[in-house]
Amino acid sequence: MSARTECRHYASRTIAPQEIVQRCRLDVAGSVPFACPADCVFFEPRSISDAGWGGPSGPPA
């Protein structure tokens, strides 16, 4: 299983061109840091907001 990108604790970093490291910030994956346990008790949905983003009419005033 791969890292759950919809989790609040998901992190990714580009370390070289074409190479991306994905992991859990809490390091609860054990021996496979880039995979999430299927029944992870630390899973929290990522909150997405539009704060600071410009809509169809342009950037916020």
PDB file of N, CA and C in Angstrom:
ATOM      1  N   MET A   1       0.849  -1.182   0.000  1.00  0.00           N
ATOM      2  CA  MET A   1       0.000   0.000   0.000  1.00  0.00           C
ATOM      3  C   MET A   1       0.890   1.240   0.000  1.00  0.00           C
ATOM      4  N   SER A   2       0.458   2.266  -0.662  1.00  0.00           N
ATOM      5  CA  SER A   2       1.245   3.497  -0.716  1.00  0.00           C
ATOM      6  C   SER A   2       0.740   4.498   0.326  1.00  0.00           C
ATOM      7  N   ALA A   3       1.413   5.606   0.408  1.00  0.00           N
ATOM      8  CA  ALA A   3       1.012   6.658   1.335  1.00  0.00           C
ATOM      9  C   ALA A   3      -0.348   7.213   0.944  1.00  0.00           C
ATOM     10  N   ARG A   4      -1.171   7.510   1.927  1.00  0.00           N
ATOM     11  CA  ARG A   4      -2.513   8.044   1.675  1.00  0.00           C
ATOM     12  C   ARG A   4      -2.425   9.562   1.567  1.00  0.00           C
ATOM     13  N   THR A   5      -2.484  10.069   0.361  1.00  0.00           N
ATOM     14  CA  THR A   5      -2.324  11.500   0.123  1.00  0.00           C
ATOM     15  C   THR A   5      -3.454  12.320   0.714  1.00  0.00           C
ATOM     16  N   GLU A   6      -4.583  11.705   1.017  1.00  0.00           N
ATOM     17  CA  GLU A   6      -5.714  12.431   1.598  1.00  0.00           C
ATOM     18  C   GLU A   6      -5.610  12.553   3.116  1.00  0.00           C
ATOM     19  N   CYS A   7      -4.523  12.057   3.717  1.00  0.00           N
ATOM     20  CA  CYS A   7      -4.326  12.144   5.166  1.00  0.00           C
ATOM     21  C   CYS A   7      -3.599  13.430   5.533  1.00  0.00           C
ATOM     22  N   ARG A   8      -3.955  13.984   6.643  1.00  0.00           N
ATOM     23  CA  ARG A   8      -3.341  15.218   7.140  1.00  0.00           C
ATOM     24  C   ARG A   8      -1.844  15.046   7.405  1.00  0.00           C
ATOM     25  N   HIS A   9      -1.408  13.843   7.704  1.00  0.00           N
ATOM     26  CA  HIS A   9      -0.018  13.588   8.074  1.00  0.00           C
ATOM     27  C   HIS A   9       0.861  13.185   6.888  1.00  0.00           C
ATOM     28  N   TYR A  10       0.300  13.203   5.684  1.00  0.00           N
ATOM     29  CA  TYR A  10       1.057  12.872   4.479  1.00  0.00           C
ATOM     30  C   TYR A  10       2.039  13.991   4.152  1.00  0.00           C
ATOM     31  N   ALA A  11       3.233  13.615   3.755  1.00  0.00           N
ATOM     32  CA  ALA A  11       4.236  14.598   3.334  1.00  0.00           C
ATOM     33  C   ALA A  11       4.969  14.056   2.118  1.00  0.00           C
ATOM     34  N   SER A  12       5.347  14.946   1.222  1.00  0.00           N
ATOM     35  CA  SER A  12       6.157  14.538   0.085  1.00  0.00           C
ATOM     36  C   SER A  12       7.243  15.573  -0.149  1.00  0.00           C
ATOM     37  N   ARG A  13       8.350  15.104  -0.701  1.00  0.00           N
ATOM     38  CA  ARG A  13       9.471  15.988  -0.981  1.00  0.00           C
ATOM     39  C   ARG A  13      10.191  15.488  -2.224  1.00  0.00           C
ATOM     40  N   THR A  14      10.544  16.409  -3.088  1.00  0.00           N
ATOM     41  CA  THR A  14      11.334  16.070  -4.268  1.00  0.00           C
ATOM     42  C   THR A  14      12.801  16.184  -3.875  1.00  0.00           C
ATOM     43  N   ILE A  15      13.533  15.080  -4.005  1.00  0.00           N
ATOM     44  CA  ILE A  15      14.937  15.090  -3.601  1.00  0.00           C
ATOM     45  C   ILE A  15      15.889  15.113  -4.791  1.00  0.00           C
ATOM     46  N   ALA A  16      15.382  14.813  -5.955  1.00  0.00           N
ATOM     47  CA  ALA A  16      16.170  14.879  -7.187  1.00  0.00           C
ATOM     48  C   ALA A  16      15.169  14.941  -8.336  1.00  0.00           C
ATOM     49  N   PRO A  17      15.606  15.390  -9.490  1.00  0.00           N
ATOM     50  CA  PRO A  17      14.667  15.368 -10.619  1.00  0.00           C
ATOM     51  C   PRO A  17      14.130  13.947 -10.814  1.00  0.00           C
ATOM     52  N   GLN A  18      12.844  13.842 -10.923  1.00  0.00           N
ATOM     53  CA  GLN A  18      12.174  12.556 -11.135  1.00  0.00           C
ATOM     54  C   GLN A  18      12.148  11.660  -9.893  1.00  0.00           C
ATOM     55  N   GLU A  19      12.555  12.137  -8.704  1.00  0.00           N
ATOM     56  CA  GLU A  19      12.532  11.303  -7.497  1.00  0.00           C
ATOM     57  C   GLU A  19      11.797  12.026  -6.376  1.00  0.00           C
ATOM     58  N   ILE A  20      10.676  11.437  -5.956  1.00  0.00           N
ATOM     59  CA  ILE A  20       9.841  12.025  -4.917  1.00  0.00           C
ATOM     60  C   ILE A  20       9.734  11.044  -3.751  1.00  0.00           C
ATOM     61  N   VAL A  21       9.947  11.534  -2.543  1.00  0.00           N
ATOM     62  CA  VAL A  21       9.801  10.718  -1.339  1.00  0.00           C
ATOM     63  C   VAL A  21       8.460  11.062  -0.710  1.00  0.00           C
ATOM     64  N   GLN A  22       7.652  10.035  -0.446  1.00  0.00           N
ATOM     65  CA  GLN A  22       6.361  10.212   0.201  1.00  0.00           C
ATOM     66  C   GLN A  22       6.407   9.467   1.516  1.00  0.00           C
ATOM     67  N   ARG A  23       5.877  10.093   2.584  1.00  0.00           N
ATOM     68  CA  ARG A  23       5.928   9.428   3.878  1.00  0.00           C
ATOM     69  C   ARG A  23       4.889   9.998   4.829  1.00  0.00           C
ATOM     70  N   CYS A  24       4.789   9.364   5.972  1.00  0.00           N
ATOM     71  CA  CYS A  24       3.925   9.832   7.052  1.00  0.00           C
ATOM     72  C   CYS A  24       4.770  10.680   7.999  1.00  0.00           C
ATOM     73  N   ARG A  25       4.301  11.853   8.335  1.00  0.00           N
ATOM     74  CA  ARG A  25       5.047  12.723   9.254  1.00  0.00           C
ATOM     75  C   ARG A  25       5.148  12.137  10.653  1.00  0.00           C
ATOM     76  N   LEU A  26       4.227  11.254  11.008  1.00  0.00           N
ATOM     77  CA  LEU A  26       4.218  10.665  12.346  1.00  0.00           C
ATOM     78  C   LEU A  26       5.087   9.416  12.452  1.00  0.00           C
ATOM     79  N   ASP A  27       5.594   8.934  11.323  1.00  0.00           N
ATOM     80  CA  ASP A  27       6.426   7.726  11.286  1.00  0.00           C
ATOM     81  C   ASP A  27       5.755   6.531  11.951  1.00  0.00           C
ATOM     82  N   VAL A  28       4.477   6.323  11.690  1.00  0.00           N
ATOM     83  CA  VAL A  28       3.761   5.191  12.275  1.00  0.00           C
ATOM     84  C   VAL A  28       3.701   3.998  11.323  1.00  0.00           C
ATOM     85  N   ALA A  29       4.342   4.098  10.170  1.00  0.00           N
ATOM     86  CA  ALA A  29       4.270   3.032   9.183  1.00  0.00           C
ATOM     87  C   ALA A  29       5.212   1.875   9.493  1.00  0.00           C
ATOM     88  N   GLY A  30       6.063   2.025  10.478  1.00  0.00           N
ATOM     89  CA  GLY A  30       6.952   0.930  10.853  1.00  0.00           C
ATOM     90  C   GLY A  30       8.077   0.714   9.867  1.00  0.00           C
ATOM     91  N   SER A  31       8.187  -0.497   9.357  1.00  0.00           N
ATOM     92  CA  SER A  31       9.320  -0.841   8.494  1.00  0.00           C
ATOM     93  C   SER A  31       9.201  -0.293   7.074  1.00  0.00           C
ATOM     94  N   VAL A  32       8.015   0.146   6.691  1.00  0.00           N
ATOM     95  CA  VAL A  32       7.818   0.692   5.350  1.00  0.00           C
ATOM     96  C   VAL A  32       7.331   2.136   5.479  1.00  0.00           C
ATOM     97  N   PRO A  33       8.250   3.111   5.567  1.00  0.00           N
ATOM     98  CA  PRO A  33       7.864   4.493   5.866  1.00  0.00           C
ATOM     99  C   PRO A  33       7.032   5.172   4.792  1.00  0.00           C
ATOM    100  N   PHE A  34       7.011   4.623   3.580  1.00  0.00           N
ATOM    101  CA  PHE A  34       6.245   5.245   2.510  1.00  0.00           C
ATOM    102  C   PHE A  34       4.868   4.616   2.342  1.00  0.00           C
ATOM    103  N   ALA A  35       4.506   3.672   3.193  1.00  0.00           N
ATOM    104  CA  ALA A  35       3.205   3.015   3.108  1.00  0.00           C
ATOM    105  C   ALA A  35       2.415   3.263   4.386  1.00  0.00           C
ATOM    106  N   CYS A  36       1.114   3.326   4.245  1.00  0.00           N
ATOM    107  CA  CYS A  36       0.251   3.548   5.400  1.00  0.00           C
ATOM    108  C   CYS A  36      -0.465   2.252   5.761  1.00  0.00           C
ATOM    109  N   PRO A  37      -0.590   1.968   7.049  1.00  0.00           N
ATOM    110  CA  PRO A  37      -1.363   0.799   7.449  1.00  0.00           C
ATOM    111  C   PRO A  37      -2.816   0.971   7.006  1.00  0.00           C
ATOM    112  N   ALA A  38      -3.456  -0.102   6.578  1.00  0.00           N
ATOM    113  CA  ALA A  38      -4.836  -0.038   6.091  1.00  0.00           C
ATOM    114  C   ALA A  38      -5.789   0.500   7.151  1.00  0.00           C
ATOM    115  N   ASP A  39      -5.553   0.169   8.399  1.00  0.00           N
ATOM    116  CA  ASP A  39      -6.443   0.586   9.485  1.00  0.00           C
ATOM    117  C   ASP A  39      -5.743   1.557  10.445  1.00  0.00           C
ATOM    118  N   CYS A  40      -4.992   2.485   9.912  1.00  0.00           N
ATOM    119  CA  CYS A  40      -4.210   3.422  10.726  1.00  0.00           C
ATOM    120  C   CYS A  40      -5.108   4.226  11.667  1.00  0.00           C
ATOM    121  N   VAL A  41      -4.801   4.184  12.946  1.00  0.00           N
ATOM    122  CA  VAL A  41      -5.611   4.906  13.928  1.00  0.00           C
ATOM    123  C   VAL A  41      -5.292   6.397  13.944  1.00  0.00           C
ATOM    124  N   PHE A  42      -4.213   6.790  13.283  1.00  0.00           N
ATOM    125  CA  PHE A  42      -3.819   8.201  13.242  1.00  0.00           C
ATOM    126  C   PHE A  42      -4.329   8.931  12.012  1.00  0.00           C
ATOM    127  N   PHE A  43      -5.067   8.235  11.129  1.00  0.00           N
ATOM    128  CA  PHE A  43      -5.565   8.862   9.902  1.00  0.00           C
ATOM    129  C   PHE A  43      -6.517  10.005  10.236  1.00  0.00           C
ATOM    130  N   GLU A  44      -6.258  11.158   9.640  1.00  0.00           N
ATOM    131  CA  GLU A  44      -7.140  12.322   9.755  1.00  0.00           C
ATOM    132  C   GLU A  44      -7.283  12.900   8.357  1.00  0.00           C
ATOM    133  N   PRO A  45      -8.509  13.125   7.914  1.00  0.00           N
ATOM    134  CA  PRO A  45      -8.681  13.705   6.578  1.00  0.00           C
ATOM    135  C   PRO A  45      -7.991  15.062   6.473  1.00  0.00           C
ATOM    136  N   ARG A  46      -7.354  15.292   5.354  1.00  0.00           N
ATOM    137  CA  ARG A  46      -6.699  16.578   5.095  1.00  0.00           C
ATOM    138  C   ARG A  46      -7.775  17.632   4.892  1.00  0.00           C
ATOM    139  N   SER A  47      -7.639  18.758   5.568  1.00  0.00           N
ATOM    140  CA  SER A  47      -8.608  19.837   5.371  1.00  0.00           C
ATOM    141  C   SER A  47      -8.118  20.724   4.232  1.00  0.00           C
ATOM    142  N   ILE A  48      -8.961  20.915   3.278  1.00  0.00           N
ATOM    143  CA  ILE A  48      -8.634  21.741   2.125  1.00  0.00           C
ATOM    144  C   ILE A  48      -9.448  23.022   2.230  1.00  0.00           C
ATOM    145  N   SER A  49      -8.794  24.141   2.147  1.00  0.00           N
ATOM    146  CA  SER A  49      -9.511  25.414   2.166  1.00  0.00           C
ATOM    147  C   SER A  49      -9.051  26.234   0.972  1.00  0.00           C
ATOM    148  N   ASP A  50      -9.821  27.223   0.648  1.00  0.00           N
ATOM    149  CA  ASP A  50      -9.447  28.086  -0.467  1.00  0.00           C
ATOM    150  C   ASP A  50      -8.853  29.395   0.026  1.00  0.00           C
ATOM    151  N   ALA A  51      -8.406  29.435   1.275  1.00  0.00           N
ATOM    152  CA  ALA A  51      -7.821  30.654   1.832  1.00  0.00           C
ATOM    153  C   ALA A  51      -6.572  31.049   1.039  1.00  0.00           C
ATOM    154  N   GLY A  52      -6.557  32.264   0.566  1.00  0.00           N
ATOM    155  CA  GLY A  52      -5.420  32.783  -0.169  1.00  0.00           C
ATOM    156  C   GLY A  52      -5.420  32.468  -1.650  1.00  0.00           C
ATOM    157  N   TRP A  53      -6.383  31.695  -2.116  1.00  0.00           N
ATOM    158  CA  TRP A  53      -6.438  31.354  -3.523  1.00  0.00           C
ATOM    159  C   TRP A  53      -7.357  32.319  -4.256  1.00  0.00           C
ATOM    160  N   GLY A  54      -7.019  32.644  -5.451  1.00  0.00           N
ATOM    161  CA  GLY A  54      -7.847  33.495  -6.271  1.00  0.00           C
ATOM    162  C   GLY A  54      -8.860  32.681  -7.050  1.00  0.00           C
ATOM    163  N   GLY A  55     -10.051  33.168  -7.132  1.00  0.00           N
ATOM    164  CA  GLY A  55     -11.101  32.504  -7.886  1.00  0.00           C
ATOM    165  C   GLY A  55     -11.158  33.034  -9.302  1.00  0.00           C
ATOM    166  N   PRO A  56     -12.279  32.809  -9.981  1.00  0.00           N
ATOM    167  CA  PRO A  56     -12.426  33.261 -11.357  1.00  0.00           C
ATOM    168  C   PRO A  56     -12.272  34.766 -11.511  1.00  0.00           C
ATOM    169  N   SER A  57     -12.554  35.514 -10.474  1.00  0.00           N
ATOM    170  CA  SER A  57     -12.479  36.971 -10.583  1.00  0.00           C
ATOM    171  C   SER A  57     -11.094  37.520 -10.250  1.00  0.00           C
ATOM    172  N   GLY A  58     -10.127  36.645  -9.884  1.00  0.00           N
ATOM    173  CA  GLY A  58      -8.787  37.104  -9.582  1.00  0.00           C
ATOM    174  C   GLY A  58      -8.413  36.879  -8.140  1.00  0.00           C
ATOM    175  N   PRO A  59      -7.254  37.397  -7.722  1.00  0.00           N
ATOM    176  CA  PRO A  59      -6.793  37.199  -6.352  1.00  0.00           C
ATOM    177  C   PRO A  59      -7.657  37.969  -5.344  1.00  0.00           C
ATOM    178  N   PRO A  60      -7.615  37.534  -4.068  1.00  0.00           N
ATOM    179  CA  PRO A  60      -8.389  38.230  -3.048  1.00  0.00           C
ATOM    180  C   PRO A  60      -7.921  39.671  -2.869  1.00  0.00           C
ATOM    181  N   ALA A  61      -8.828  40.499  -2.484  1.00  0.00           N
ATOM    182  CA  ALA A  61      -8.498  41.919  -2.312  1.00  0.00           C
ATOM    183  C   ALA A  61      -7.881  42.193  -0.976  1.00  0.00           C
TER     184      ALA A  61
END
